[in-house]
């Protein structure tokens, strides 16, 4: 299983629903927390709340297409990391 890490220490999966499962405009790149165990789950839940069932999506090595805005707003910031002072 390929994972993408945010700039610090928080592993996330980049997942997009497959063509034909949803329309092209709904094929956004979701952020999904890496499951805690090594078993392949029946479904994943993106940070935005989108339920993604096994076989419905493709796992991405890098961001592709439009990002899911809901996931971007809800993904936790990496532990111990605050905003830079000049933010």
N, C-alpha and C. Protein backbone atom coordinates (compact mmCIF):
# COMPACT_ATOMS: atom_id res chain seq x y z
N UNK A 1 0.85 -1.16 0.00
CA UNK A 1 0.00 0.00 0.00
C UNK A 1 0.90 1.24 0.00
N UNK A 2 0.73 2.14 -0.93
CA UNK A 2 1.55 3.34 -1.04
C UNK A 2 0.96 4.43 -0.15
N UNK A 3 1.82 5.15 0.55
CA UNK A 3 1.35 6.25 1.38
C UNK A 3 2.09 7.51 1.01
N UNK A 4 1.43 8.61 1.20
CA UNK A 4 2.03 9.93 1.02
C UNK A 4 2.05 10.58 2.39
N UNK A 5 3.15 11.20 2.76
CA UNK A 5 3.23 11.86 4.06
C UNK A 5 3.14 13.36 3.88
N UNK A 6 2.40 14.00 4.78
CA UNK A 6 2.40 15.45 4.78
C UNK A 6 3.79 15.89 5.20
N UNK A 7 4.07 17.16 5.20
CA UNK A 7 5.43 17.64 5.42
C UNK A 7 6.05 17.17 6.73
N UNK A 8 5.25 16.79 7.71
CA UNK A 8 5.82 16.32 8.97
C UNK A 8 5.62 14.81 9.10
N UNK A 9 4.98 14.35 10.16
CA UNK A 9 4.96 12.93 10.50
C UNK A 9 3.58 12.30 10.45
N UNK A 10 2.70 12.73 9.62
CA UNK A 10 1.35 12.20 9.63
C UNK A 10 1.07 11.45 8.33
N UNK A 11 1.01 10.11 8.38
CA UNK A 11 0.77 9.35 7.14
C UNK A 11 -0.69 9.45 6.69
N UNK A 12 -0.87 9.74 5.43
CA UNK A 12 -2.20 9.77 4.82
C UNK A 12 -2.14 9.06 3.48
N UNK A 13 -3.29 8.57 3.05
CA UNK A 13 -3.42 8.00 1.71
C UNK A 13 -4.06 9.04 0.82
N UNK A 14 -3.65 9.06 -0.42
CA UNK A 14 -4.29 9.90 -1.44
C UNK A 14 -5.15 8.97 -2.28
N UNK A 15 -6.44 9.20 -2.29
CA UNK A 15 -7.40 8.28 -2.91
C UNK A 15 -8.35 9.06 -3.81
N UNK A 16 -8.65 8.49 -4.98
CA UNK A 16 -9.61 9.11 -5.90
C UNK A 16 -10.51 8.01 -6.45
N UNK A 17 -11.81 8.29 -6.50
CA UNK A 17 -12.74 7.30 -7.04
C UNK A 17 -12.45 7.07 -8.52
N UNK A 18 -12.60 5.83 -8.94
CA UNK A 18 -12.28 5.42 -10.32
C UNK A 18 -13.26 6.03 -11.33
N UNK A 19 -12.76 6.22 -12.53
CA UNK A 19 -13.62 6.66 -13.63
C UNK A 19 -14.71 5.61 -13.83
N UNK A 20 -15.93 6.06 -14.02
CA UNK A 20 -17.06 5.16 -14.19
C UNK A 20 -17.82 4.90 -12.90
N UNK A 21 -17.15 5.05 -11.76
CA UNK A 21 -17.83 4.91 -10.47
C UNK A 21 -18.59 6.19 -10.16
N UNK A 22 -17.95 7.32 -10.45
CA UNK A 22 -18.58 8.63 -10.31
C UNK A 22 -18.25 9.44 -11.56
N UNK A 23 -18.95 10.53 -11.75
CA UNK A 23 -18.68 11.41 -12.89
C UNK A 23 -17.32 12.08 -12.74
N UNK A 24 -16.77 12.54 -13.83
CA UNK A 24 -15.42 13.12 -13.83
C UNK A 24 -15.29 14.29 -12.86
N UNK A 25 -16.32 15.10 -12.73
CA UNK A 25 -16.24 16.26 -11.83
C UNK A 25 -16.23 15.85 -10.36
N UNK A 26 -16.59 14.61 -10.06
CA UNK A 26 -16.59 14.14 -8.67
C UNK A 26 -15.34 13.33 -8.33
N UNK A 27 -14.41 13.25 -9.25
CA UNK A 27 -13.18 12.47 -9.02
C UNK A 27 -12.11 13.32 -8.36
N UNK A 28 -12.41 13.79 -7.17
CA UNK A 28 -11.45 14.62 -6.44
C UNK A 28 -10.47 13.73 -5.68
N UNK A 29 -9.35 14.31 -5.34
CA UNK A 29 -8.31 13.62 -4.59
C UNK A 29 -8.60 13.78 -3.09
N UNK A 30 -8.97 12.67 -2.45
CA UNK A 30 -9.32 12.68 -1.03
C UNK A 30 -8.10 12.32 -0.17
N UNK A 31 -8.10 12.82 1.05
CA UNK A 31 -7.09 12.48 2.04
C UNK A 31 -7.72 11.52 3.03
N UNK A 32 -7.06 10.38 3.23
CA UNK A 32 -7.60 9.33 4.09
C UNK A 32 -6.53 8.93 5.11
N UNK A 33 -6.88 8.85 6.39
CA UNK A 33 -5.88 8.38 7.36
C UNK A 33 -5.50 6.93 7.07
N UNK A 34 -4.22 6.62 7.24
CA UNK A 34 -3.76 5.25 7.04
C UNK A 34 -4.39 4.38 8.13
N UNK A 35 -4.98 3.23 7.73
CA UNK A 35 -5.58 2.34 8.73
C UNK A 35 -4.56 1.90 9.78
N UNK A 36 -5.02 1.65 10.99
CA UNK A 36 -4.15 1.28 12.10
C UNK A 36 -3.54 -0.11 11.97
N UNK A 37 -4.22 -1.03 11.30
CA UNK A 37 -3.69 -2.39 11.20
C UNK A 37 -3.31 -2.70 9.75
N UNK A 38 -2.76 -3.89 9.54
CA UNK A 38 -2.27 -4.28 8.22
C UNK A 38 -3.34 -4.91 7.34
N UNK A 39 -4.53 -5.13 7.87
CA UNK A 39 -5.60 -5.73 7.07
C UNK A 39 -6.16 -4.71 6.09
N UNK A 40 -6.58 -5.19 4.93
CA UNK A 40 -7.21 -4.31 3.94
C UNK A 40 -8.66 -4.08 4.37
N UNK A 41 -9.03 -2.83 4.64
CA UNK A 41 -10.39 -2.55 5.11
C UNK A 41 -11.42 -2.69 3.99
N UNK A 42 -12.67 -2.91 4.36
CA UNK A 42 -13.77 -3.00 3.40
C UNK A 42 -14.04 -1.62 2.81
N UNK A 43 -13.85 -0.59 3.62
CA UNK A 43 -14.07 0.79 3.16
C UNK A 43 -13.13 1.72 3.93
N UNK A 44 -12.85 2.84 3.32
CA UNK A 44 -12.07 3.89 3.95
C UNK A 44 -12.96 5.12 4.12
N UNK A 45 -12.71 5.90 5.14
CA UNK A 45 -13.45 7.14 5.32
C UNK A 45 -12.46 8.30 5.20
N UNK A 46 -12.70 9.16 4.22
CA UNK A 46 -11.85 10.32 4.01
C UNK A 46 -12.10 11.34 5.11
N UNK A 47 -11.19 12.26 5.28
CA UNK A 47 -11.36 13.29 6.30
C UNK A 47 -12.63 14.11 6.09
N UNK A 48 -13.11 14.21 4.86
CA UNK A 48 -14.33 14.96 4.59
C UNK A 48 -15.59 14.17 4.95
N UNK A 49 -15.44 12.87 5.26
CA UNK A 49 -16.57 12.02 5.58
C UNK A 49 -16.99 11.10 4.45
N UNK A 50 -16.41 11.27 3.28
CA UNK A 50 -16.73 10.43 2.12
C UNK A 50 -16.34 8.98 2.41
N UNK A 51 -17.29 8.06 2.23
CA UNK A 51 -17.03 6.64 2.42
C UNK A 51 -16.60 6.06 1.08
N UNK A 52 -15.45 5.42 1.05
CA UNK A 52 -14.88 4.89 -0.19
C UNK A 52 -14.72 3.39 -0.01
N UNK A 53 -15.53 2.62 -0.74
CA UNK A 53 -15.53 1.16 -0.62
C UNK A 53 -14.40 0.55 -1.45
N UNK A 54 -13.94 -0.62 -1.01
CA UNK A 54 -12.90 -1.35 -1.72
C UNK A 54 -13.32 -1.57 -3.17
N UNK A 55 -12.42 -1.32 -4.09
CA UNK A 55 -12.69 -1.51 -5.51
C UNK A 55 -13.26 -0.29 -6.20
N UNK A 56 -13.68 0.71 -5.44
CA UNK A 56 -14.26 1.93 -6.03
C UNK A 56 -13.22 2.98 -6.38
N UNK A 57 -12.03 2.84 -5.82
CA UNK A 57 -11.08 3.95 -5.92
C UNK A 57 -9.70 3.48 -6.34
N UNK A 58 -8.89 4.45 -6.70
CA UNK A 58 -7.49 4.19 -7.01
C UNK A 58 -6.64 4.91 -5.96
N UNK A 59 -5.56 4.27 -5.59
CA UNK A 59 -4.61 4.83 -4.65
C UNK A 59 -3.57 5.60 -5.45
N UNK A 60 -3.33 6.84 -5.09
CA UNK A 60 -2.43 7.70 -5.85
C UNK A 60 -1.08 7.83 -5.17
N UNK A 61 -0.02 7.91 -5.97
CA UNK A 61 1.33 8.13 -5.44
C UNK A 61 1.59 9.60 -5.15
N UNK A 62 0.84 10.46 -5.85
CA UNK A 62 0.98 11.90 -5.67
C UNK A 62 -0.37 12.54 -5.97
N UNK A 63 -0.59 13.77 -5.52
CA UNK A 63 -1.88 14.42 -5.82
C UNK A 63 -2.13 14.46 -7.32
N UNK A 64 -3.38 14.24 -7.68
CA UNK A 64 -3.77 14.24 -9.08
C UNK A 64 -5.20 14.76 -9.19
N UNK A 65 -5.41 15.69 -10.09
CA UNK A 65 -6.74 16.26 -10.24
C UNK A 65 -7.04 17.27 -9.14
N UNK A 66 -8.30 17.59 -9.03
CA UNK A 66 -8.73 18.57 -8.01
C UNK A 66 -8.65 17.94 -6.62
N UNK A 67 -8.15 18.70 -5.64
CA UNK A 67 -8.19 18.19 -4.27
C UNK A 67 -9.60 18.32 -3.70
N UNK A 68 -9.93 17.47 -2.76
CA UNK A 68 -11.20 17.59 -2.05
C UNK A 68 -11.03 18.70 -1.02
N UNK A 69 -11.78 19.76 -1.18
CA UNK A 69 -11.67 20.92 -0.28
C UNK A 69 -12.06 20.52 1.14
N UNK A 70 -13.07 19.68 1.28
CA UNK A 70 -13.48 19.23 2.61
C UNK A 70 -12.36 18.50 3.34
N UNK A 71 -11.63 17.66 2.62
CA UNK A 71 -10.49 16.96 3.22
C UNK A 71 -9.40 17.95 3.62
N UNK A 72 -9.13 18.91 2.76
CA UNK A 72 -8.09 19.90 3.06
C UNK A 72 -8.41 20.69 4.32
N UNK A 73 -9.68 21.03 4.50
CA UNK A 73 -10.08 21.78 5.69
C UNK A 73 -10.03 20.94 6.96
N UNK A 74 -10.24 19.63 6.83
CA UNK A 74 -10.39 18.79 8.02
C UNK A 74 -9.16 17.96 8.38
N UNK A 75 -8.20 17.85 7.50
CA UNK A 75 -7.02 17.04 7.82
C UNK A 75 -6.30 17.67 9.00
N UNK A 76 -5.97 16.88 10.03
CA UNK A 76 -5.29 17.45 11.20
C UNK A 76 -3.90 17.96 10.83
N UNK A 77 -3.47 18.99 11.52
CA UNK A 77 -2.11 19.46 11.30
C UNK A 77 -1.16 18.45 11.95
N UNK A 78 0.03 18.32 11.42
CA UNK A 78 0.99 17.37 12.00
C UNK A 78 1.24 17.68 13.48
N UNK A 79 1.41 16.63 14.27
CA UNK A 79 1.61 16.80 15.71
C UNK A 79 2.83 17.66 16.00
N UNK A 80 2.65 18.57 16.95
CA UNK A 80 3.76 19.39 17.37
C UNK A 80 4.11 20.51 16.41
N UNK A 81 3.36 20.62 15.34
CA UNK A 81 3.67 21.65 14.34
C UNK A 81 2.62 22.74 14.43
N UNK A 82 3.05 23.96 14.61
CA UNK A 82 2.14 25.10 14.58
C UNK A 82 2.38 25.88 13.31
N UNK A 83 1.67 26.96 13.16
CA UNK A 83 1.88 27.82 12.01
C UNK A 83 3.17 28.60 12.19
N UNK A 84 3.87 28.87 11.11
CA UNK A 84 5.08 29.68 11.24
C UNK A 84 4.73 31.06 11.81
N UNK A 85 5.72 31.69 12.45
CA UNK A 85 5.48 32.99 13.08
C UNK A 85 5.03 34.05 12.08
N UNK A 86 5.49 33.96 10.83
CA UNK A 86 5.13 34.96 9.84
C UNK A 86 3.81 34.68 9.14
N UNK A 87 3.09 33.66 9.58
CA UNK A 87 1.79 33.31 8.98
C UNK A 87 0.80 34.31 9.40
